[in-house]
Amino acid sequence: MSAPTPETATATAPAGSAADPTESAAARASLETLRAEISKAVVGQDSAVTGLVVALLCRGHVLLEGVPGVAKTLLVRALAASLELDTKRVQFTPDLMPSDVTGSLVYDARTTEFSFQPGPVFTNLLLADEINRTPPKTQSSLLEAMEERQVTIDGEPRQLPEPFLVAATQNPVEYEGTYPLPEAQLDRFLLKLTVPLPSREDEIDVLTRHARGFDPRDLEAAGVRPVAGPADLEAARAAVARTSVSPEITAYVVDICRATRESPSLSLGASPRGATALLSTARAWAWLTGRDYVIPDDVKVLALPTLRHRLQLRPEAEMEGVTTDSVITATLAHVPVPR
């Protein structure tokens, strides 16, 4: 049995939160508009768009993986253009230094004092392009920012803006000149979203748009406008926080994660942090689909993107062609579903 996708899952109960249904519905409508606005620039990547929205609702970070040319960077840029949020982009390269990301103290000869010059991490939406092309030392400069939402320079912690989201991209097929992300950093990403090649129909649509003059470097000309902002996000997050979770659903999430730890194909299963992440993303998806409570299908929808990067295959299983996605799918098929 395979898990349903965000495109096929459906709501089965009335919309809205019991605490404030009008405000909740308005916030949901603004995020639906956001998804529609991104589609003006990006074709056929609905799952990735939904994943980014879920990450915003959960205050999490996203790792986008796909071959070159499938609009990973464009997707994040379109998200930034659709939100009234500050955004910055960092192209990760082998010679990038940690201070190039976080900022540093700079000596001012006029005042004879050191002043802090903030790096690009001081933003709401940070696009970390090709994050696996920079050495681990620079990759680790994001750890504190992603987990604590602050950076420490010369012993002084400095808070990052709120909201703050890191959207990192990486290429899964070109390994020359790349540095695999350490497990500790992978675990800081709420979701790992795979950006596939488009279908034939979607690819025809892409080429047709380009033939009509679409320029991916000029999103404003493509009609992408800010349609939501911090207030909409805050209202949506408050509504998600009111989404109820029954003890049976909590136990279901725990059983799924514990089952991965017992899989013979894995040397590392999902940790309690992974279980917490899965519960959070399931709540966000339940609210997005119009319910104020979580059902098992919500957990199934988000299991793959939430857990796939937190599992580690045994070498022999990897040689046999087993993937973390196949392990998660098999786990979902065997763990009893609460009724």
Protein backbone atom coordinates (compact mmCIF):
# COMPACT_ATOMS: atom_id res chain seq x y z
CA MET A 1 0.00 0.00 0.00
CA SER A 2 1.43 3.40 -0.93
CA ALA A 3 0.76 6.61 0.93
CA PRO A 4 -1.59 9.11 -0.68
CA THR A 5 -0.11 12.29 -2.10
CA PRO A 6 -1.04 15.88 -1.21
CA GLU A 7 -2.76 16.15 -4.59
CA THR A 8 -5.03 13.13 -4.06
CA ALA A 9 -5.81 13.29 -0.33
CA THR A 10 -9.22 14.75 0.46
CA ALA A 11 -10.87 16.32 3.44
CA THR A 12 -13.59 14.38 5.24
CA ALA A 13 -14.90 16.88 7.77
CA PRO A 14 -16.14 20.47 7.97
CA ALA A 15 -13.55 23.23 7.65
CA GLY A 16 -12.48 25.76 10.22
CA SER A 17 -11.32 25.93 13.79
CA ALA A 18 -13.73 25.85 16.66
CA ALA A 19 -11.84 28.73 18.27
CA ASP A 20 -12.18 31.18 15.33
CA PRO A 21 -13.51 29.59 12.13
CA THR A 22 -13.70 32.87 10.20
CA GLU A 23 -10.09 33.83 10.86
CA SER A 24 -8.94 30.27 10.16
CA ALA A 25 -10.80 30.14 6.85
CA ALA A 26 -9.38 33.52 5.81
CA ALA A 27 -5.84 32.38 6.58
CA ARG A 28 -6.38 29.16 4.63
CA ALA A 29 -7.72 31.12 1.67
CA SER A 30 -4.64 33.36 1.65
CA LEU A 31 -2.32 30.34 1.50
CA GLU A 32 -4.40 28.78 -1.28
CA THR A 33 -3.95 32.03 -3.18
CA LEU A 34 -0.22 31.80 -2.50
CA ARG A 35 -0.05 28.35 -4.06
CA ALA A 36 -1.94 29.61 -7.11
CA GLU A 37 0.40 32.60 -7.45
CA ILE A 38 3.49 30.36 -7.48
CA SER A 39 1.93 28.32 -10.30
CA LYS A 40 2.22 31.39 -12.54
CA ALA A 41 5.97 30.73 -12.65
CA VAL A 42 6.34 27.03 -11.82
CA VAL A 43 4.52 24.27 -13.71
CA GLY A 44 3.71 20.79 -12.41
CA GLN A 45 5.41 20.90 -9.01
CA ASP A 46 2.31 20.99 -6.80
CA SER A 47 3.74 18.61 -4.20
CA ALA A 48 6.86 20.74 -3.72
CA VAL A 49 4.77 23.91 -3.47
CA THR A 50 2.55 22.28 -0.86
CA GLY A 51 5.62 21.09 1.05
CA LEU A 52 7.01 24.62 1.21
CA VAL A 53 3.68 25.91 2.54
CA VAL A 54 3.61 23.14 5.17
CA ALA A 55 7.15 24.08 6.22
CA LEU A 56 6.13 27.73 6.63
CA LEU A 57 3.21 26.66 8.83
CA CYS A 58 5.47 24.45 10.98
CA ARG A 59 8.38 26.93 11.24
CA GLY A 60 10.56 24.32 9.54
CA HIS A 61 13.20 24.20 6.82
CA VAL A 62 13.13 22.42 3.47
CA LEU A 63 15.70 20.50 1.43
CA LEU A 64 14.80 20.39 -2.28
CA GLU A 65 16.46 17.61 -4.25
CA GLY A 66 16.28 17.22 -8.00
CA VAL A 67 18.37 17.06 -11.14
CA PRO A 68 19.46 20.37 -12.72
CA GLY A 69 16.81 22.23 -14.66
CA VAL A 70 13.63 21.22 -12.81
CA ALA A 71 12.99 24.71 -11.36
CA LYS A 72 14.18 24.18 -7.78
CA THR A 73 15.62 27.68 -7.51
CA LEU A 74 12.72 29.20 -9.44
CA LEU A 75 10.28 27.53 -7.05
CA VAL A 76 11.84 29.20 -4.00
CA ARG A 77 12.14 32.54 -5.79
CA ALA A 78 8.47 32.36 -6.76
CA LEU A 79 7.55 31.61 -3.14
CA ALA A 80 9.54 34.64 -2.00
CA ALA A 81 7.93 36.84 -4.66
CA SER A 82 4.45 35.70 -3.53
CA LEU A 83 5.12 36.62 0.09
CA GLU A 84 5.70 40.03 1.62
CA LEU A 85 8.88 38.75 3.21
CA ASP A 86 12.55 39.65 2.94
CA THR A 87 14.57 37.08 1.02
CA LYS A 88 18.22 36.50 0.20
CA ARG A 89 20.09 33.96 -1.92
CA VAL A 90 23.48 32.35 -1.26
CA GLN A 91 25.23 30.33 -3.95
CA PHE A 92 27.16 27.71 -2.00
CA THR A 93 30.63 27.11 -3.44
CA PRO A 94 33.77 25.29 -2.22
CA ASP A 95 35.44 28.57 -1.19
CA LEU A 96 32.45 29.95 0.76
CA MET A 97 33.37 30.78 4.36
CA PRO A 98 31.03 30.57 7.39
CA SER A 99 31.24 34.34 7.87
CA ASP A 100 29.99 34.78 4.30
CA VAL A 101 26.71 33.29 5.53
CA THR A 102 26.39 34.50 9.12
CA GLY A 103 28.20 37.85 8.96
CA SER A 104 31.26 39.10 10.86
CA LEU A 105 32.75 41.89 12.93
CA VAL A 106 34.33 44.61 10.80
CA TYR A 107 36.79 47.20 12.09
CA ASP A 108 35.72 50.78 11.48
CA ALA A 109 38.78 53.03 11.27
CA ARG A 110 36.66 56.17 11.80
CA THR A 111 35.24 55.05 15.13
CA THR A 112 38.15 52.70 16.01
CA GLU A 113 35.54 50.10 16.95
CA PHE A 114 34.31 46.80 15.57
CA SER A 115 30.79 46.76 14.19
CA PHE A 116 28.72 43.76 13.19
CA GLN A 117 27.92 43.39 9.51
CA PRO A 118 25.04 40.88 9.19
CA GLY A 119 25.32 38.16 6.57
CA PRO A 120 22.56 36.96 4.22
CA VAL A 121 21.21 34.59 6.90
CA PHE A 122 19.54 37.64 8.48
CA THR A 123 16.44 37.40 6.36
CA ASN A 124 13.02 35.74 6.38
CA LEU A 125 13.56 33.31 3.51
CA LEU A 126 17.11 32.13 2.79
CA LEU A 127 17.71 30.29 -0.48
CA ALA A 128 20.79 28.11 0.05
CA ASP A 129 21.51 27.11 -3.55
CA GLU A 130 23.46 23.86 -4.06
CA ILE A 131 24.19 23.55 -0.36
CA ASN A 132 26.17 20.34 -0.86
CA ARG A 133 28.84 22.17 -2.88
CA THR A 134 30.37 23.81 0.20
CA PRO A 135 32.59 22.07 2.82
CA PRO A 136 31.10 20.80 6.11
CA LYS A 137 32.60 23.74 8.04
CA THR A 138 30.45 26.20 6.09
CA GLN A 139 27.44 23.87 6.05
CA SER A 140 27.60 23.73 9.85
CA SER A 141 27.39 27.53 10.04
CA LEU A 142 23.67 27.09 9.37
CA LEU A 143 23.09 24.60 12.20
CA GLU A 144 22.63 27.16 14.95
CA ALA A 145 20.57 29.40 12.67
CA MET A 146 18.23 26.57 11.68
CA GLU A 147 17.76 25.16 15.18
CA GLU A 148 18.00 28.17 17.49
CA ARG A 149 17.06 30.91 15.00
CA GLN A 150 20.11 32.87 16.05
CA VAL A 151 23.80 33.12 15.22
CA THR A 152 26.59 33.64 17.71
CA ILE A 153 29.35 36.02 16.63
CA ASP A 154 32.29 36.63 18.99
CA GLY A 155 30.33 35.04 21.83
CA GLU A 156 27.25 37.24 21.38
CA PRO A 157 24.01 35.61 20.18
CA ARG A 158 22.06 37.59 17.59
CA GLN A 159 18.43 36.77 16.89
CA LEU A 160 17.24 36.14 13.34
CA PRO A 161 14.04 37.70 11.95
CA GLU A 162 10.72 35.91 12.31
CA PRO A 163 9.55 34.12 10.26
CA PHE A 164 12.78 32.41 9.19
CA LEU A 165 13.00 29.55 6.71
CA VAL A 166 15.96 27.95 4.95
CA ALA A 167 15.14 26.45 1.57
CA ALA A 168 18.21 24.53 0.39
CA THR A 169 18.68 22.84 -2.97
CA GLN A 170 20.97 19.98 -3.90
CA ASN A 171 21.70 17.87 -6.97
CA PRO A 172 21.28 14.09 -6.41
CA VAL A 173 23.27 12.86 -9.42
CA GLU A 174 26.39 15.01 -9.72
CA TYR A 175 28.75 14.02 -6.91
CA GLU A 176 32.05 15.47 -8.15
CA GLY A 177 32.93 18.51 -6.06
CA THR A 178 30.13 17.95 -3.55
CA TYR A 179 30.11 17.29 0.19
CA PRO A 180 27.33 15.07 1.62
CA LEU A 181 25.30 16.83 4.29
CA PRO A 182 26.08 15.48 7.79
CA GLU A 183 23.30 13.60 9.58
CA ALA A 184 22.99 16.31 12.22
CA GLN A 185 22.23 18.92 9.58
CA LEU A 186 19.88 16.68 7.59
CA ASP A 187 17.88 16.19 10.77
CA ARG A 188 17.38 19.97 11.04
CA PHE A 189 15.38 19.98 7.81
CA LEU A 190 11.70 19.45 8.48
CA LEU A 191 11.07 18.12 4.97
CA LYS A 192 13.08 16.69 2.11
CA LEU A 193 11.14 17.26 -1.08
CA THR A 194 12.04 15.56 -4.34
CA VAL A 195 11.49 17.72 -7.41
CA PRO A 196 10.87 15.31 -10.30
CA LEU A 197 11.10 15.81 -14.03
CA PRO A 198 7.80 17.18 -15.39
CA SER A 199 5.28 15.11 -17.25
CA ARG A 200 5.08 15.46 -21.04
CA GLU A 201 2.07 17.78 -20.79
CA ASP A 202 3.74 19.96 -18.16
CA GLU A 203 6.96 20.14 -20.19
CA ILE A 204 4.97 21.27 -23.25
CA ASP A 205 3.39 23.95 -21.04
CA VAL A 206 6.85 25.09 -19.89
CA LEU A 207 8.15 25.40 -23.44
CA THR A 208 4.97 27.17 -24.57
CA ARG A 209 5.41 29.76 -21.82
CA HIS A 210 9.02 30.34 -22.83
CA ALA A 211 8.00 30.68 -26.47
CA ARG A 212 5.56 33.40 -25.39
CA GLY A 213 8.35 35.33 -23.67
CA PHE A 214 8.38 34.01 -20.11
CA ASP A 215 11.64 35.00 -18.38
CA PRO A 216 12.35 33.06 -15.16
CA ARG A 217 14.64 35.90 -14.07
CA ASP A 218 11.78 38.42 -14.17
CA LEU A 219 8.95 37.11 -12.04
CA GLU A 220 7.27 40.49 -11.87
CA ALA A 221 6.79 40.43 -15.63
CA ALA A 222 5.27 36.96 -15.25
CA GLY A 223 2.60 38.46 -13.01
CA VAL A 224 3.80 37.03 -9.70
CA ARG A 225 2.76 39.43 -6.92
CA PRO A 226 2.82 39.33 -3.10
CA VAL A 227 -0.49 37.81 -2.02
CA ALA A 228 0.24 36.95 1.64
CA GLY A 229 2.41 38.26 4.42
CA PRO A 230 3.54 37.76 8.03
CA ALA A 231 0.07 38.44 9.44
CA ASP A 232 -1.46 35.72 7.26
CA LEU A 233 1.26 33.28 8.31
CA GLU A 234 0.77 34.07 11.99
CA ALA A 235 -2.99 33.53 11.75
CA ALA A 236 -2.47 30.26 9.88
CA ARG A 237 0.06 29.01 12.42
CA ALA A 238 -2.33 29.82 15.26
CA ALA A 239 -5.06 27.83 13.49
CA VAL A 240 -2.70 24.88 12.97
CA ALA A 241 -1.82 24.98 16.68
CA ARG A 242 -5.54 24.55 17.45
CA THR A 243 -5.80 21.46 15.25
CA SER A 244 -6.53 18.58 17.61
CA VAL A 245 -4.63 15.30 17.72
CA SER A 246 -6.21 12.24 19.34
CA PRO A 247 -4.16 9.85 21.50
CA GLU A 248 -4.69 7.18 18.82
CA ILE A 249 -3.04 9.38 16.15
CA THR A 250 -0.13 10.19 18.47
CA ALA A 251 0.38 6.48 19.08
CA TYR A 252 0.17 5.81 15.33
CA VAL A 253 2.99 8.29 14.65
CA VAL A 254 5.10 6.72 17.39
CA ASP A 255 4.46 3.21 16.06
CA ILE A 256 5.55 4.21 12.55
CA CYS A 257 8.80 5.73 13.79
CA ARG A 258 9.55 2.83 16.13
CA ALA A 259 8.93 0.39 13.27
CA THR A 260 11.63 2.08 11.18
CA ARG A 261 14.13 1.47 13.98
CA GLU A 262 13.43 -2.25 13.72
CA SER A 263 13.73 -2.43 9.91
CA PRO A 264 16.48 -4.86 8.81
CA SER A 265 17.26 -2.54 5.89
CA LEU A 266 18.15 0.42 8.10
CA SER A 267 21.12 1.16 10.32
CA LEU A 268 19.36 4.28 11.64
CA GLY A 269 15.62 4.71 12.08
CA ALA A 270 13.52 7.77 12.82
CA SER A 271 14.35 9.51 16.10
CA PRO A 272 11.85 11.13 18.50
CA ARG A 273 12.65 14.40 16.70
CA GLY A 274 11.43 12.73 13.51
CA ALA A 275 8.23 11.62 15.24
CA THR A 276 7.63 15.17 16.48
CA ALA A 277 8.22 16.52 12.98
CA LEU A 278 5.78 14.02 11.46
CA LEU A 279 3.07 14.97 13.94
CA SER A 280 3.62 18.69 13.20
CA THR A 281 3.48 18.31 9.43
CA ALA A 282 0.40 16.07 9.65
CA ARG A 283 -1.40 18.77 11.68
CA ALA A 284 -0.47 21.42 9.11
CA TRP A 285 -1.72 19.25 6.24
CA ALA A 286 -4.96 18.46 8.09
CA TRP A 287 -5.63 22.18 8.51
CA LEU A 288 -4.73 22.96 4.89
CA THR A 289 -7.24 20.38 3.68
CA GLY A 290 -10.01 21.92 5.77
CA ARG A 291 -10.12 19.98 9.03
CA ASP A 292 -9.42 20.94 12.63
CA TYR A 293 -8.36 17.41 13.61
CA VAL A 294 -5.82 14.90 12.27
CA ILE A 295 -6.69 11.58 10.65
CA PRO A 296 -4.33 8.69 9.71
CA ASP A 297 -4.27 9.75 6.04
CA ASP A 298 -2.65 13.05 7.07
CA VAL A 299 0.20 11.11 8.66
CA LYS A 300 0.58 8.93 5.55
CA VAL A 301 0.69 11.95 3.24
CA LEU A 302 3.62 13.53 5.07
CA ALA A 303 5.52 10.39 6.12
CA LEU A 304 7.78 10.26 3.04
CA PRO A 305 8.95 13.88 2.91
CA THR A 306 9.24 14.13 6.70
CA LEU A 307 11.16 10.90 7.35
CA ARG A 308 13.11 9.98 4.17
CA HIS A 309 16.20 12.06 5.04
CA ARG A 310 16.25 10.93 8.68
CA LEU A 311 16.77 7.24 7.86
CA GLN A 312 20.07 5.57 7.03
CA LEU A 313 20.25 2.45 4.87
CA ARG A 314 22.55 -0.47 5.57
CA PRO A 315 25.21 -0.82 2.82
CA GLU A 316 23.93 -4.25 1.80
CA ALA A 317 20.36 -2.93 1.46
CA GLU A 318 21.56 -0.02 -0.63
CA MET A 319 23.41 -2.42 -2.93
CA GLU A 320 20.18 -4.37 -3.40
CA GLY A 321 18.40 -1.22 -4.59
CA VAL A 322 16.41 -0.57 -1.41
CA THR A 323 15.57 3.11 -0.81
CA THR A 324 14.40 4.94 2.29
CA ASP A 325 11.16 5.71 0.47
CA SER A 326 10.49 2.00 -0.08
CA VAL A 327 11.21 1.28 3.59
CA ILE A 328 8.76 3.97 4.70
CA THR A 329 6.11 2.75 2.28
CA ALA A 330 6.49 -0.83 3.58
CA THR A 331 6.32 0.43 7.15
CA LEU A 332 3.07 2.30 6.47
CA ALA A 333 1.63 -0.90 4.98
CA HIS A 334 2.42 -2.96 8.09
CA VAL A 335 1.74 -0.62 11.00
CA PRO A 336 -1.91 -0.99 12.12
CA VAL A 337 -4.01 2.05 11.29
CA PRO A 338 -6.19 3.39 14.14
CA ARG A 339 -9.93 3.28 13.53
